[in-house]
Amino acid sequence: MESGIAKEKQTLREKYLEARERLSEAEARGSDALIASFVFDADFYRESRSVFVYIGVGREVDTLPIVSRAFADGKSVLVPRTGKDRVLEAVPVGEEEFLEPEFAGWPRAFGIPEPPETLKGAQDQCPDLVIAPSLVLDRFGYRLGYGGGFYDSYIQRAREQKNRPVVAAVQRSLFVLDDPLPREPYDMAVDLIVTENGIVIPSSSG
C-alpha cells in the first residue's frame, strides 16, 4: 500500500511537472544559460577533474552546455545509466561518443538517452562532482525527483567512498521552495543548489 508521504510526493510531482511544462522555451533556456555560468565560475567546478552529469530532456535544465565545457576544460565526463534495484551507474564517455547527433545508437530509459552497454561503467570510482537532476527542491537541499530513487541511492553510495564528491543540483529558482518537501529515510540532500540567481547553500535544519 502506498504511504501517505508517497502520495504527497506524487501530488507534488504532478503539480510541478505541469508548472515546468508551462515555461516557454525562451524562459527555460535563458535561465539555463545563467545556471551554467554560475557552475563554470564556482570552485567546485574549476577544481574538479571528473564530472558526473545527467542528460536533461524536455523542460529540464539543459546540461549539454556543461558537458561541452567540461570536455573543453579537459575534464572526464560521466553520464548515468540505470540498472536493477535502483542502481545508477556512472559511465565515462568521450566527446565523440557523447556529441554524436541526437545520441544515435544510445538506448533510452524513461525517455532519457543512456550509454550503451558497450561502454564500461566506472564501478566504485567516484567523480569529483555530481550534477543531479530534480523536479523541485527545498532550501534544505532535498530533491523531489521522478520516483525511481536512483540518485538517492547513488549519492548515498558515493558518500561512503574515501573521495566524497560534491553533489550539486541545477534548478531554476522558481522550483526551489522555502517549505520542506515531504521526506523519507532514504532521501539524500545535495550539497549545493545552482540557480539562475546564484548558488544556494542548503540550510542545515528543517
N, C-alpha and C. Protein backbone atom coordinates (compact mmCIF):
# COMPACT_ATOMS: atom_id res chain seq x y z
N MET A 1 0.85 -1.20 0.00
CA MET A 1 0.00 0.00 0.00
C MET A 1 0.88 1.25 0.00
N GLU A 2 0.52 2.20 -0.81
CA GLU A 2 1.29 3.43 -0.92
C GLU A 2 1.17 4.25 0.35
N SER A 3 2.31 4.75 0.87
CA SER A 3 2.30 5.54 2.10
C SER A 3 1.75 6.94 1.84
N GLY A 4 1.42 7.62 2.95
CA GLY A 4 0.92 8.99 2.84
C GLY A 4 1.96 9.91 2.25
N ILE A 5 3.23 9.71 2.63
CA ILE A 5 4.30 10.55 2.08
C ILE A 5 4.46 10.30 0.58
N ALA A 6 4.37 9.03 0.18
CA ALA A 6 4.49 8.70 -1.24
C ALA A 6 3.37 9.37 -2.05
N LYS A 7 2.17 9.36 -1.50
CA LYS A 7 1.05 10.01 -2.19
C LYS A 7 1.26 11.51 -2.28
N GLU A 8 1.77 12.10 -1.19
CA GLU A 8 2.03 13.54 -1.18
C GLU A 8 3.09 13.90 -2.21
N LYS A 9 4.13 13.07 -2.30
CA LYS A 9 5.17 13.30 -3.30
C LYS A 9 4.60 13.22 -4.72
N GLN A 10 3.75 12.25 -4.97
CA GLN A 10 3.18 12.11 -6.30
C GLN A 10 2.32 13.30 -6.67
N THR A 11 1.56 13.81 -5.71
CA THR A 11 0.74 15.00 -5.96
C THR A 11 1.63 16.19 -6.32
N LEU A 12 2.75 16.34 -5.60
CA LEU A 12 3.68 17.43 -5.90
C LEU A 12 4.35 17.24 -7.26
N ARG A 13 4.67 16.00 -7.60
CA ARG A 13 5.26 15.75 -8.93
C ARG A 13 4.32 16.24 -10.03
N GLU A 14 3.07 15.88 -9.92
CA GLU A 14 2.11 16.27 -10.94
C GLU A 14 2.00 17.79 -11.01
N LYS A 15 1.98 18.44 -9.86
CA LYS A 15 1.86 19.90 -9.81
C LYS A 15 3.05 20.58 -10.49
N TYR A 16 4.26 20.13 -10.14
CA TYR A 16 5.45 20.83 -10.64
C TYR A 16 5.84 20.41 -12.05
N LEU A 17 5.46 19.20 -12.45
CA LEU A 17 5.63 18.83 -13.85
C LEU A 17 4.79 19.75 -14.74
N GLU A 18 3.56 19.97 -14.31
CA GLU A 18 2.67 20.85 -15.08
C GLU A 18 3.22 22.27 -15.11
N ALA A 19 3.71 22.75 -13.96
CA ALA A 19 4.26 24.11 -13.91
C ALA A 19 5.49 24.23 -14.80
N ARG A 20 6.34 23.21 -14.81
CA ARG A 20 7.54 23.27 -15.64
C ARG A 20 7.20 23.27 -17.12
N GLU A 21 6.20 22.50 -17.49
CA GLU A 21 5.81 22.44 -18.90
C GLU A 21 5.21 23.75 -19.37
N ARG A 22 4.75 24.57 -18.45
CA ARG A 22 4.17 25.87 -18.84
C ARG A 22 5.25 26.90 -19.16
N LEU A 23 6.50 26.61 -18.80
CA LEU A 23 7.58 27.54 -19.13
C LEU A 23 7.78 27.60 -20.64
N SER A 24 8.00 28.80 -21.14
CA SER A 24 8.32 28.92 -22.56
C SER A 24 9.75 28.48 -22.80
N GLU A 25 10.07 28.18 -24.04
CA GLU A 25 11.43 27.80 -24.39
C GLU A 25 12.40 28.92 -24.04
N ALA A 26 12.00 30.16 -24.30
CA ALA A 26 12.87 31.30 -24.02
C ALA A 26 13.12 31.45 -22.53
N GLU A 27 12.07 31.30 -21.72
CA GLU A 27 12.22 31.39 -20.27
C GLU A 27 13.16 30.32 -19.75
N ALA A 28 12.93 29.09 -20.20
CA ALA A 28 13.72 27.97 -19.71
C ALA A 28 15.19 28.12 -20.08
N ARG A 29 15.47 28.36 -21.35
CA ARG A 29 16.86 28.38 -21.80
C ARG A 29 17.60 29.63 -21.34
N GLY A 30 16.88 30.73 -21.14
CA GLY A 30 17.53 31.91 -20.58
C GLY A 30 18.04 31.64 -19.17
N SER A 31 17.21 30.99 -18.36
CA SER A 31 17.64 30.62 -17.01
C SER A 31 18.79 29.61 -17.06
N ASP A 32 18.70 28.65 -17.97
CA ASP A 32 19.70 27.59 -18.04
C ASP A 32 21.09 28.15 -18.36
N ALA A 33 21.16 29.15 -19.23
CA ALA A 33 22.45 29.75 -19.57
C ALA A 33 23.09 30.41 -18.35
N LEU A 34 22.27 31.07 -17.53
CA LEU A 34 22.78 31.70 -16.32
C LEU A 34 23.22 30.65 -15.30
N ILE A 35 22.45 29.57 -15.19
CA ILE A 35 22.83 28.49 -14.28
C ILE A 35 24.19 27.93 -14.67
N ALA A 36 24.38 27.67 -15.95
CA ALA A 36 25.66 27.13 -16.42
C ALA A 36 26.80 28.09 -16.10
N SER A 37 26.57 29.39 -16.25
CA SER A 37 27.64 30.35 -15.99
C SER A 37 28.05 30.34 -14.52
N PHE A 38 27.10 30.15 -13.60
CA PHE A 38 27.44 30.06 -12.18
C PHE A 38 28.19 28.77 -11.88
N VAL A 39 27.84 27.70 -12.56
CA VAL A 39 28.59 26.45 -12.40
C VAL A 39 30.05 26.66 -12.81
N PHE A 40 30.26 27.26 -13.98
CA PHE A 40 31.62 27.41 -14.51
C PHE A 40 32.49 28.30 -13.63
N ASP A 41 31.88 29.26 -12.94
CA ASP A 41 32.63 30.19 -12.11
C ASP A 41 32.92 29.65 -10.71
N ALA A 42 32.30 28.53 -10.36
CA ALA A 42 32.41 28.01 -8.99
C ALA A 42 33.68 27.19 -8.79
N ASP A 43 34.22 27.27 -7.58
CA ASP A 43 35.41 26.49 -7.24
C ASP A 43 35.16 25.00 -7.39
N PHE A 44 33.94 24.54 -7.02
CA PHE A 44 33.68 23.11 -7.08
C PHE A 44 33.77 22.58 -8.51
N TYR A 45 33.47 23.44 -9.49
CA TYR A 45 33.64 23.02 -10.88
C TYR A 45 35.09 23.16 -11.31
N ARG A 46 35.70 24.28 -11.06
CA ARG A 46 37.07 24.53 -11.53
C ARG A 46 38.05 23.52 -10.95
N GLU A 47 37.82 23.10 -9.71
CA GLU A 47 38.75 22.18 -9.04
C GLU A 47 38.46 20.72 -9.35
N SER A 48 37.36 20.44 -10.01
CA SER A 48 37.01 19.04 -10.32
C SER A 48 37.80 18.55 -11.53
N ARG A 49 38.13 17.28 -11.48
CA ARG A 49 38.77 16.63 -12.63
C ARG A 49 37.80 15.74 -13.38
N SER A 50 36.75 15.32 -12.69
CA SER A 50 35.74 14.45 -13.31
C SER A 50 34.35 14.92 -12.89
N VAL A 51 33.43 14.91 -13.85
CA VAL A 51 32.09 15.43 -13.63
C VAL A 51 31.06 14.38 -14.07
N PHE A 52 30.19 14.00 -13.16
CA PHE A 52 29.09 13.10 -13.45
C PHE A 52 27.84 13.95 -13.61
N VAL A 53 27.27 13.96 -14.81
CA VAL A 53 26.18 14.90 -15.10
C VAL A 53 25.07 14.20 -15.86
N TYR A 54 23.85 14.51 -15.47
CA TYR A 54 22.69 13.91 -16.14
C TYR A 54 22.45 14.57 -17.50
N ILE A 55 21.70 13.90 -18.34
CA ILE A 55 21.31 14.43 -19.65
C ILE A 55 19.90 15.00 -19.52
N GLY A 56 19.78 16.31 -19.61
CA GLY A 56 18.47 16.94 -19.47
C GLY A 56 17.61 16.70 -20.71
N VAL A 57 16.34 16.41 -20.48
CA VAL A 57 15.39 16.23 -21.58
C VAL A 57 14.17 17.11 -21.33
N GLY A 58 13.44 17.42 -22.38
CA GLY A 58 12.23 18.23 -22.24
C GLY A 58 12.54 19.59 -21.64
N ARG A 59 11.80 19.95 -20.59
CA ARG A 59 11.98 21.24 -19.93
C ARG A 59 12.89 21.15 -18.71
N GLU A 60 13.62 20.04 -18.56
CA GLU A 60 14.63 20.00 -17.51
C GLU A 60 15.71 21.03 -17.83
N VAL A 61 16.47 21.41 -16.80
CA VAL A 61 17.61 22.30 -17.04
C VAL A 61 18.55 21.62 -18.04
N ASP A 62 18.91 22.33 -19.07
CA ASP A 62 19.75 21.80 -20.14
C ASP A 62 21.19 21.69 -19.65
N THR A 63 21.71 20.47 -19.65
CA THR A 63 23.08 20.26 -19.16
C THR A 63 24.10 20.12 -20.29
N LEU A 64 23.68 20.16 -21.53
CA LEU A 64 24.63 20.00 -22.64
C LEU A 64 25.72 21.07 -22.64
N PRO A 65 25.41 22.34 -22.30
CA PRO A 65 26.50 23.32 -22.23
C PRO A 65 27.53 22.97 -21.16
N ILE A 66 27.08 22.38 -20.06
CA ILE A 66 28.01 21.98 -19.01
C ILE A 66 28.90 20.84 -19.50
N VAL A 67 28.31 19.89 -20.20
CA VAL A 67 29.09 18.78 -20.74
C VAL A 67 30.12 19.29 -21.75
N SER A 68 29.68 20.14 -22.66
CA SER A 68 30.60 20.66 -23.68
C SER A 68 31.75 21.42 -23.05
N ARG A 69 31.46 22.22 -22.05
CA ARG A 69 32.52 22.99 -21.37
C ARG A 69 33.46 22.05 -20.63
N ALA A 70 32.92 21.02 -20.00
CA ALA A 70 33.77 20.06 -19.28
C ALA A 70 34.75 19.39 -20.23
N PHE A 71 34.27 19.00 -21.40
CA PHE A 71 35.18 18.43 -22.40
C PHE A 71 36.25 19.45 -22.79
N ALA A 72 35.82 20.68 -23.04
CA ALA A 72 36.77 21.72 -23.46
C ALA A 72 37.80 22.00 -22.38
N ASP A 73 37.41 21.84 -21.12
CA ASP A 73 38.32 22.09 -20.00
C ASP A 73 39.17 20.87 -19.66
N GLY A 74 39.04 19.80 -20.44
CA GLY A 74 39.87 18.62 -20.23
C GLY A 74 39.44 17.74 -19.07
N LYS A 75 38.20 17.85 -18.65
CA LYS A 75 37.70 17.03 -17.56
C LYS A 75 37.17 15.70 -18.08
N SER A 76 37.17 14.70 -17.23
CA SER A 76 36.50 13.44 -17.55
C SER A 76 35.00 13.63 -17.36
N VAL A 77 34.21 13.14 -18.28
CA VAL A 77 32.76 13.27 -18.22
C VAL A 77 32.13 11.89 -18.07
N LEU A 78 31.22 11.78 -17.11
CA LEU A 78 30.48 10.54 -16.89
C LEU A 78 29.00 10.86 -16.94
N VAL A 79 28.22 9.95 -17.49
CA VAL A 79 26.77 10.14 -17.55
C VAL A 79 26.08 8.90 -16.99
N PRO A 80 24.83 9.04 -16.55
CA PRO A 80 24.17 7.95 -15.85
C PRO A 80 23.61 6.85 -16.76
N ARG A 81 23.64 5.65 -16.21
CA ARG A 81 22.95 4.51 -16.82
C ARG A 81 22.23 3.77 -15.70
N THR A 82 20.94 3.53 -15.87
CA THR A 82 20.16 2.89 -14.83
C THR A 82 20.23 1.38 -14.92
N GLY A 83 20.11 0.75 -13.76
CA GLY A 83 20.11 -0.70 -13.70
C GLY A 83 19.04 -1.19 -12.75
N LYS A 84 19.13 -2.44 -12.38
CA LYS A 84 18.13 -3.02 -11.49
C LYS A 84 18.37 -2.55 -10.05
N ASP A 85 17.33 -2.69 -9.23
CA ASP A 85 17.41 -2.39 -7.80
C ASP A 85 17.87 -0.96 -7.53
N ARG A 86 17.40 -0.03 -8.35
CA ARG A 86 17.69 1.40 -8.18
C ARG A 86 19.18 1.71 -8.26
N VAL A 87 19.91 0.92 -8.99
CA VAL A 87 21.34 1.15 -9.15
C VAL A 87 21.57 2.12 -10.31
N LEU A 88 22.29 3.18 -10.04
CA LEU A 88 22.66 4.16 -11.06
C LEU A 88 24.15 4.05 -11.27
N GLU A 89 24.54 3.85 -12.51
CA GLU A 89 25.95 3.65 -12.85
C GLU A 89 26.49 4.89 -13.55
N ALA A 90 27.68 5.31 -13.14
CA ALA A 90 28.36 6.43 -13.79
C ALA A 90 29.25 5.87 -14.90
N VAL A 91 28.99 6.29 -16.13
CA VAL A 91 29.68 5.72 -17.29
C VAL A 91 30.54 6.80 -17.96
N PRO A 92 31.86 6.61 -18.01
CA PRO A 92 32.71 7.58 -18.72
C PRO A 92 32.41 7.57 -20.22
N VAL A 93 32.32 8.76 -20.79
CA VAL A 93 32.08 8.88 -22.23
C VAL A 93 33.10 9.84 -22.83
N GLY A 94 33.44 9.60 -24.08
CA GLY A 94 34.30 10.51 -24.81
C GLY A 94 33.49 11.55 -25.54
N GLU A 95 34.15 12.60 -25.98
CA GLU A 95 33.45 13.70 -26.64
C GLU A 95 32.76 13.24 -27.92
N GLU A 96 33.42 12.42 -28.69
CA GLU A 96 32.81 11.96 -29.95
C GLU A 96 31.58 11.10 -29.67
N GLU A 97 31.67 10.23 -28.67
CA GLU A 97 30.53 9.38 -28.33
C GLU A 97 29.35 10.20 -27.84
N PHE A 98 29.64 11.22 -27.02
CA PHE A 98 28.57 11.99 -26.42
C PHE A 98 27.90 12.93 -27.42
N LEU A 99 28.69 13.55 -28.27
CA LEU A 99 28.15 14.57 -29.15
C LEU A 99 27.65 14.03 -30.48
N GLU A 100 27.59 12.71 -30.61
CA GLU A 100 27.01 12.12 -31.80
C GLU A 100 25.57 12.61 -31.95
N PRO A 101 25.14 12.97 -33.15
CA PRO A 101 23.82 13.61 -33.31
C PRO A 101 22.69 12.84 -32.64
N GLU A 102 22.02 13.54 -31.72
CA GLU A 102 20.83 13.02 -31.05
C GLU A 102 21.09 11.66 -30.40
N PHE A 103 22.32 11.45 -29.94
CA PHE A 103 22.67 10.21 -29.25
C PHE A 103 22.31 8.98 -30.08
N ALA A 104 22.65 9.02 -31.35
CA ALA A 104 22.35 7.91 -32.26
C ALA A 104 22.97 6.62 -31.72
N GLY A 105 22.16 5.59 -31.65
CA GLY A 105 22.64 4.30 -31.18
C GLY A 105 22.58 4.12 -29.68
N TRP A 106 22.23 5.18 -28.93
CA TRP A 106 22.10 5.05 -27.48
C TRP A 106 20.70 4.55 -27.14
N PRO A 107 20.57 3.60 -26.24
CA PRO A 107 19.24 3.19 -25.79
C PRO A 107 18.62 4.27 -24.91
N ARG A 108 17.34 4.14 -24.64
CA ARG A 108 16.66 5.11 -23.78
C ARG A 108 15.96 4.39 -22.63
N ALA A 109 16.06 5.00 -21.46
CA ALA A 109 15.35 4.51 -20.29
C ALA A 109 14.56 5.67 -19.71
N PHE A 110 13.27 5.46 -19.53
CA PHE A 110 12.38 6.53 -19.05
C PHE A 110 12.45 7.75 -19.97
N GLY A 111 12.70 7.50 -21.26
CA GLY A 111 12.77 8.58 -22.25
C GLY A 111 14.09 9.32 -22.28
N ILE A 112 15.08 8.85 -21.51
CA ILE A 112 16.37 9.54 -21.39
C ILE A 112 17.45 8.72 -22.08
N PRO A 113 18.28 9.32 -22.94
CA PRO A 113 19.37 8.57 -23.57
C PRO A 113 20.36 8.07 -22.53
N GLU A 114 20.79 6.83 -22.69
CA GLU A 114 21.77 6.24 -21.78
C GLU A 114 22.91 5.61 -22.58
N PRO A 115 24.11 5.61 -22.01
CA PRO A 115 25.23 4.99 -22.72
C PRO A 115 24.96 3.51 -22.99
N PRO A 116 25.35 3.02 -24.16
CA PRO A 116 25.14 1.60 -24.45
C PRO A 116 26.02 0.72 -23.57
N GLU A 117 25.64 -0.55 -23.47
CA GLU A 117 26.37 -1.48 -22.63
C GLU A 117 27.81 -1.71 -23.11
N THR A 118 28.10 -1.32 -24.35
CA THR A 118 29.48 -1.46 -24.85
C THR A 118 30.44 -0.51 -24.14
N LEU A 119 29.91 0.53 -23.49
CA LEU A 119 30.76 1.44 -22.71
C LEU A 119 30.78 0.96 -21.26
N LYS A 120 31.97 0.80 -20.72
CA LYS A 120 32.13 0.25 -19.38
C LYS A 120 31.90 1.31 -18.32
N GLY A 121 31.19 0.93 -17.25
CA GLY A 121 30.95 1.84 -16.15
C GLY A 121 32.18 2.05 -15.29
N ALA A 122 32.13 3.10 -14.47
CA ALA A 122 33.26 3.45 -13.62
C ALA A 122 33.29 2.65 -12.33
N GLN A 123 32.30 1.81 -12.12
CA GLN A 123 32.19 0.97 -10.92
C GLN A 123 32.22 1.86 -9.68
N ASP A 124 33.14 1.61 -8.75
CA ASP A 124 33.14 2.36 -7.48
C ASP A 124 34.02 3.61 -7.52
N GLN A 125 34.54 3.94 -8.67
CA GLN A 125 35.36 5.15 -8.79
C GLN A 125 34.46 6.38 -8.79
N CYS A 126 34.60 7.22 -7.77
CA CYS A 126 33.71 8.37 -7.62
C CYS A 126 34.22 9.58 -8.40
N PRO A 127 33.33 10.29 -9.08
CA PRO A 127 33.73 11.56 -9.70
C PRO A 127 33.94 12.62 -8.63
N ASP A 128 34.57 13.70 -9.01
CA ASP A 128 34.76 14.81 -8.08
C ASP A 128 33.47 15.62 -7.90
N LEU A 129 32.68 15.68 -8.95
CA LEU A 129 31.47 16.49 -8.95
C LEU A 129 30.31 15.70 -9.54
N VAL A 130 29.19 15.72 -8.83
CA VAL A 130 27.95 15.12 -9.32
C VAL A 130 26.94 16.23 -9.53
N ILE A 131 26.40 16.32 -10.74
CA ILE A 131 25.34 17.29 -11.02
C ILE A 131 24.04 16.51 -11.17
N ALA A 132 23.18 16.68 -10.20
CA ALA A 132 21.98 15.85 -10.09
C ALA A 132 20.75 16.58 -10.62
N PRO A 133 19.82 15.83 -11.19
CA PRO A 133 18.57 16.42 -11.66
C PRO A 133 17.56 16.53 -10.52
N SER A 134 16.54 17.31 -10.74
CA SER A 134 15.43 17.39 -9.78
C SER A 134 14.23 17.95 -10.51
N LEU A 135 13.07 17.66 -9.97
CA LEU A 135 11.86 18.32 -10.43
C LEU A 135 11.63 19.58 -9.62
N VAL A 136 11.91 19.47 -8.33
CA VAL A 136 11.80 20.60 -7.41
C VAL A 136 12.68 20.28 -6.22
N LEU A 137 13.18 21.32 -5.54
CA LEU A 137 13.98 21.15 -4.33
C LEU A 137 13.44 22.05 -3.24
N ASP A 138 13.85 21.75 -1.99
CA ASP A 138 13.58 22.71 -0.92
C ASP A 138 14.89 23.35 -0.49
N ARG A 139 14.81 24.38 0.34
CA ARG A 139 16.01 25.14 0.70
C ARG A 139 16.94 24.37 1.63
N PHE A 140 16.51 23.17 2.02
CA PHE A 140 17.35 22.30 2.85
C PHE A 140 18.16 21.33 1.98
N GLY A 141 17.98 21.41 0.67
CA GLY A 141 18.76 20.59 -0.24
C GLY A 141 18.14 19.27 -0.63
N TYR A 142 16.91 19.03 -0.19
CA TYR A 142 16.25 17.77 -0.54
C TYR A 142 15.52 17.90 -1.88
N ARG A 143 15.70 16.88 -2.70
CA ARG A 143 15.16 16.86 -4.05
C ARG A 143 13.86 16.06 -4.10
N LEU A 144 13.00 16.47 -4.99
CA LEU A 144 11.89 15.62 -5.42
C LEU A 144 12.18 15.29 -6.87
N GLY A 145 12.43 14.00 -7.13
CA GLY A 145 12.70 13.57 -8.49
C GLY A 145 11.48 12.92 -9.10
N TYR A 146 11.71 11.84 -9.81
CA TYR A 146 10.62 11.21 -10.56
C TYR A 146 10.17 9.89 -9.94
N GLY A 147 10.71 9.58 -8.75
CA GLY A 147 10.19 8.45 -8.00
C GLY A 147 10.99 7.17 -8.10
N GLY A 148 12.07 7.15 -8.88
CA GLY A 148 12.84 5.92 -9.02
C GLY A 148 13.82 5.67 -7.89
N GLY A 149 14.26 6.74 -7.23
CA GLY A 149 15.22 6.60 -6.14
C GLY A 149 16.64 6.35 -6.59
N PHE A 150 16.91 6.45 -7.89
CA PHE A 150 18.24 6.12 -8.40
C PHE A 150 19.32 7.06 -7.84
N TYR A 151 19.05 8.36 -7.86
CA TYR A 151 20.07 9.30 -7.42
C TYR A 151 20.27 9.27 -5.91
N ASP A 152 19.21 9.07 -5.14
CA ASP A 152 19.38 8.96 -3.69
C ASP A 152 20.30 7.80 -3.36
N SER A 153 20.07 6.68 -4.02
CA SER A 153 20.91 5.50 -3.79
C SER A 153 22.36 5.77 -4.22
N TYR A 154 22.54 6.41 -5.37
CA TYR A 154 23.89 6.70 -5.86
C TYR A 154 24.61 7.65 -4.90
N ILE A 155 23.93 8.72 -4.48
CA ILE A 155 24.57 9.70 -3.60
C ILE A 155 24.98 9.04 -2.28
N GLN A 156 24.12 8.19 -1.75
CA GLN A 156 24.45 7.51 -0.51
C GLN A 156 25.71 6.65 -0.68
N ARG A 157 25.80 5.91 -1.77
CA ARG A 157 26.97 5.07 -2.01
C ARG A 157 28.22 5.92 -2.21
N ALA A 158 28.07 7.01 -2.96
CA ALA A 158 29.23 7.87 -3.25
C ALA A 158 29.79 8.50 -1.97
N ARG A 159 28.90 8.83 -1.05
CA ARG A 159 29.36 9.48 0.18
C ARG A 159 30.03 8.49 1.14
N GLU A 160 29.91 7.24 0.85
CA GLU A 160 30.60 6.23 1.66
C GLU A 160 32.02 5.97 1.17
N GLN A 161 32.36 6.54 0.01
CA GLN A 161 33.68 6.36 -0.57
C GLN A 161 34.69 7.32 0.08
N LYS A 162 35.95 6.98 -0.05
CA LYS A 162 37.01 7.80 0.55
C LYS A 162 37.01 9.20 -0.04
N ASN A 163 36.91 9.30 -1.35
CA ASN A 163 36.89 10.61 -2.02
C ASN A 163 35.45 11.01 -2.28
N ARG A 164 34.86 11.67 -1.30
CA ARG A 164 33.46 12.06 -1.38
C ARG A 164 33.27 13.18 -2.41
N PRO A 165 32.35 13.02 -3.35
CA PRO A 165 32.15 14.07 -4.36
C PRO A 165 31.32 15.23 -3.82
N VAL A 166 31.43 16.36 -4.48
CA VAL A 166 30.48 17.46 -4.27
C VAL A 166 29.23 17.15 -5.08
N VAL A 167 28.07 17.22 -4.44
CA VAL A 167 26.81 16.94 -5.13
C VAL A 167 26.04 18.25 -5.26
N ALA A 168 25.85 18.68 -6.50
CA ALA A 168 25.15 19.93 -6.78
C ALA A 168 23.92 19.65 -7.63
N ALA A 169 22.83 20.31 -7.31
CA ALA A 169 21.63 20.26 -8.15
C ALA A 169 21.55 21.56 -8.93
N VAL A 170 21.20 21.48 -10.20
CA VAL A 170 20.96 22.68 -11.00
C VAL A 170 19.45 22.81 -11.19
N GLN A 171 18.94 23.98 -10.84
CA GLN A 171 17.48 24.14 -10.88
C GLN A 171 17.12 25.62 -10.96
N ARG A 172 16.04 25.91 -11.65
CA ARG A 172 15.55 27.29 -11.72
C ARG A 172 14.95 27.68 -10.36
N SER A 173 15.14 28.94 -9.99
CA SER A 173 14.73 29.40 -8.66
C SER A 173 13.23 29.22 -8.41
N LEU A 174 12.45 29.22 -9.46
CA LEU A 174 11.01 29.00 -9.34
C LEU A 174 10.70 27.67 -8.67
N PHE A 175 11.62 26.72 -8.80
CA PHE A 175 11.40 25.37 -8.29
C PHE A 175 12.30 25.04 -7.10
N VAL A 176 12.71 26.09 -6.38
CA VAL A 176 13.40 25.92 -5.10
C VAL A 176 12.49 26.51 -4.03
N LEU A 177 11.96 25.65 -3.18
CA LEU A 177 10.91 26.03 -2.25
C LEU A 177 11.45 26.37 -0.87
N ASP A 178 10.78 27.32 -0.20
CA ASP A 178 11.14 27.66 1.18
C ASP A 178 10.67 26.58 2.15
N ASP A 179 9.50 26.01 1.90
CA ASP A 179 8.95 24.99 2.79
C ASP A 179 9.58 23.63 2.50
N PRO A 180 9.77 22.81 3.54
CA PRO A 180 10.38 21.49 3.32
C PRO A 180 9.48 20.56 2.51
N LEU A 181 10.09 19.80 1.66
CA LEU A 181 9.38 18.77 0.91
C LEU A 181 9.12 17.57 1.80
N PRO A 182 8.11 16.77 1.48
CA PRO A 182 7.93 15.51 2.21
C PRO A 182 9.17 14.65 2.04
N ARG A 183 9.55 13.97 3.12
CA ARG A 183 10.85 13.32 3.14
C ARG A 183 10.73 11.91 3.69
N GLU A 184 11.47 10.99 3.09
CA GLU A 184 11.53 9.61 3.56
C GLU A 184 12.96 9.29 3.97
N PRO A 185 13.17 8.22 4.75
CA PRO A 185 14.51 7.96 5.31
C PRO A 185 15.61 7.85 4.27
N TYR A 186 15.30 7.36 3.07
CA TYR A 186 16.34 7.17 2.07
C TYR A 186 16.64 8.43 1.26
N ASP A 187 15.89 9.51 1.44
CA ASP A 187 16.11 10.73 0.67
C ASP A 187 17.44 11.37 1.09
N MET A 188 18.21 11.79 0.11
CA MET A 188 19.52 12.38 0.35
C MET A 188 19.55 13.83 -0.12
N ALA A 189 20.05 14.71 0.74
CA ALA A 189 20.16 16.13 0.38
C ALA A 189 21.41 16.36 -0.47
N VAL A 190 21.35 17.38 -1.32
CA VAL A 190 22.52 17.78 -2.09
C VAL A 190 23.34 18.77 -1.29
N ASP A 191 24.58 18.99 -1.71
CA ASP A 191 25.46 19.93 -1.01
C ASP A 191 25.21 21.37 -1.43
N LEU A 192 24.83 21.56 -2.68
CA LEU A 192 24.66 22.90 -3.25
C LEU A 192 23.52 22.90 -4.25
N ILE A 193 22.88 24.05 -4.40
CA ILE A 193 21.87 24.24 -5.43
C ILE A 193 22.31 25.43 -6.29
N VAL A 194 22.38 25.23 -7.59
CA VAL A 194 22.77 26.31 -8.50
C VAL A 194 21.54 26.76 -9.27
N THR A 195 21.18 28.03 -9.11
CA THR A 195 20.04 28.60 -9.81
C THR A 195 20.53 29.72 -10.73
N GLU A 196 19.59 30.31 -11.46
CA GLU A 196 19.95 31.44 -12.32
C GLU A 196 20.30 32.69 -11.53
N ASN A 197 20.00 32.67 -10.21
CA ASN A 197 20.32 33.80 -9.35
C ASN A 197 21.59 33.60 -8.53
N GLY A 198 22.21 32.44 -8.68
CA GLY A 198 23.44 32.17 -7.94
C GLY A 198 23.38 30.83 -7.25
N ILE A 199 24.34 30.62 -6.35
CA ILE A 199 24.49 29.34 -5.65
C ILE A 199 23.83 29.44 -4.27
N VAL A 200 23.01 28.46 -3.96
CA VAL A 200 22.30 28.38 -2.69
C VAL A 200 22.98 27.31 -1.84
N ILE A 201 23.36 27.69 -0.62
CA ILE A 201 23.88 26.72 0.35
C ILE A 201 22.69 26.24 1.17
N PRO A 202 22.34 24.97 1.11
CA PRO A 202 21.16 24.50 1.83
C PRO A 202 21.25 24.77 3.32
N SER A 203 20.10 25.08 3.91
CA SER A 203 20.02 25.29 5.34
C SER A 203 20.28 23.97 6.06
N SER A 204 20.89 24.05 7.23
CA SER A 204 21.25 22.83 7.94
C SER A 204 20.12 22.27 8.79
N SER A 205 18.99 22.97 8.87
CA SER A 205 17.87 22.46 9.68
C SER A 205 16.63 22.41 8.81
N GLY A 206 15.64 21.64 9.28
CA GLY A 206 14.38 21.63 8.56
C GLY A 206 13.87 20.25 8.33
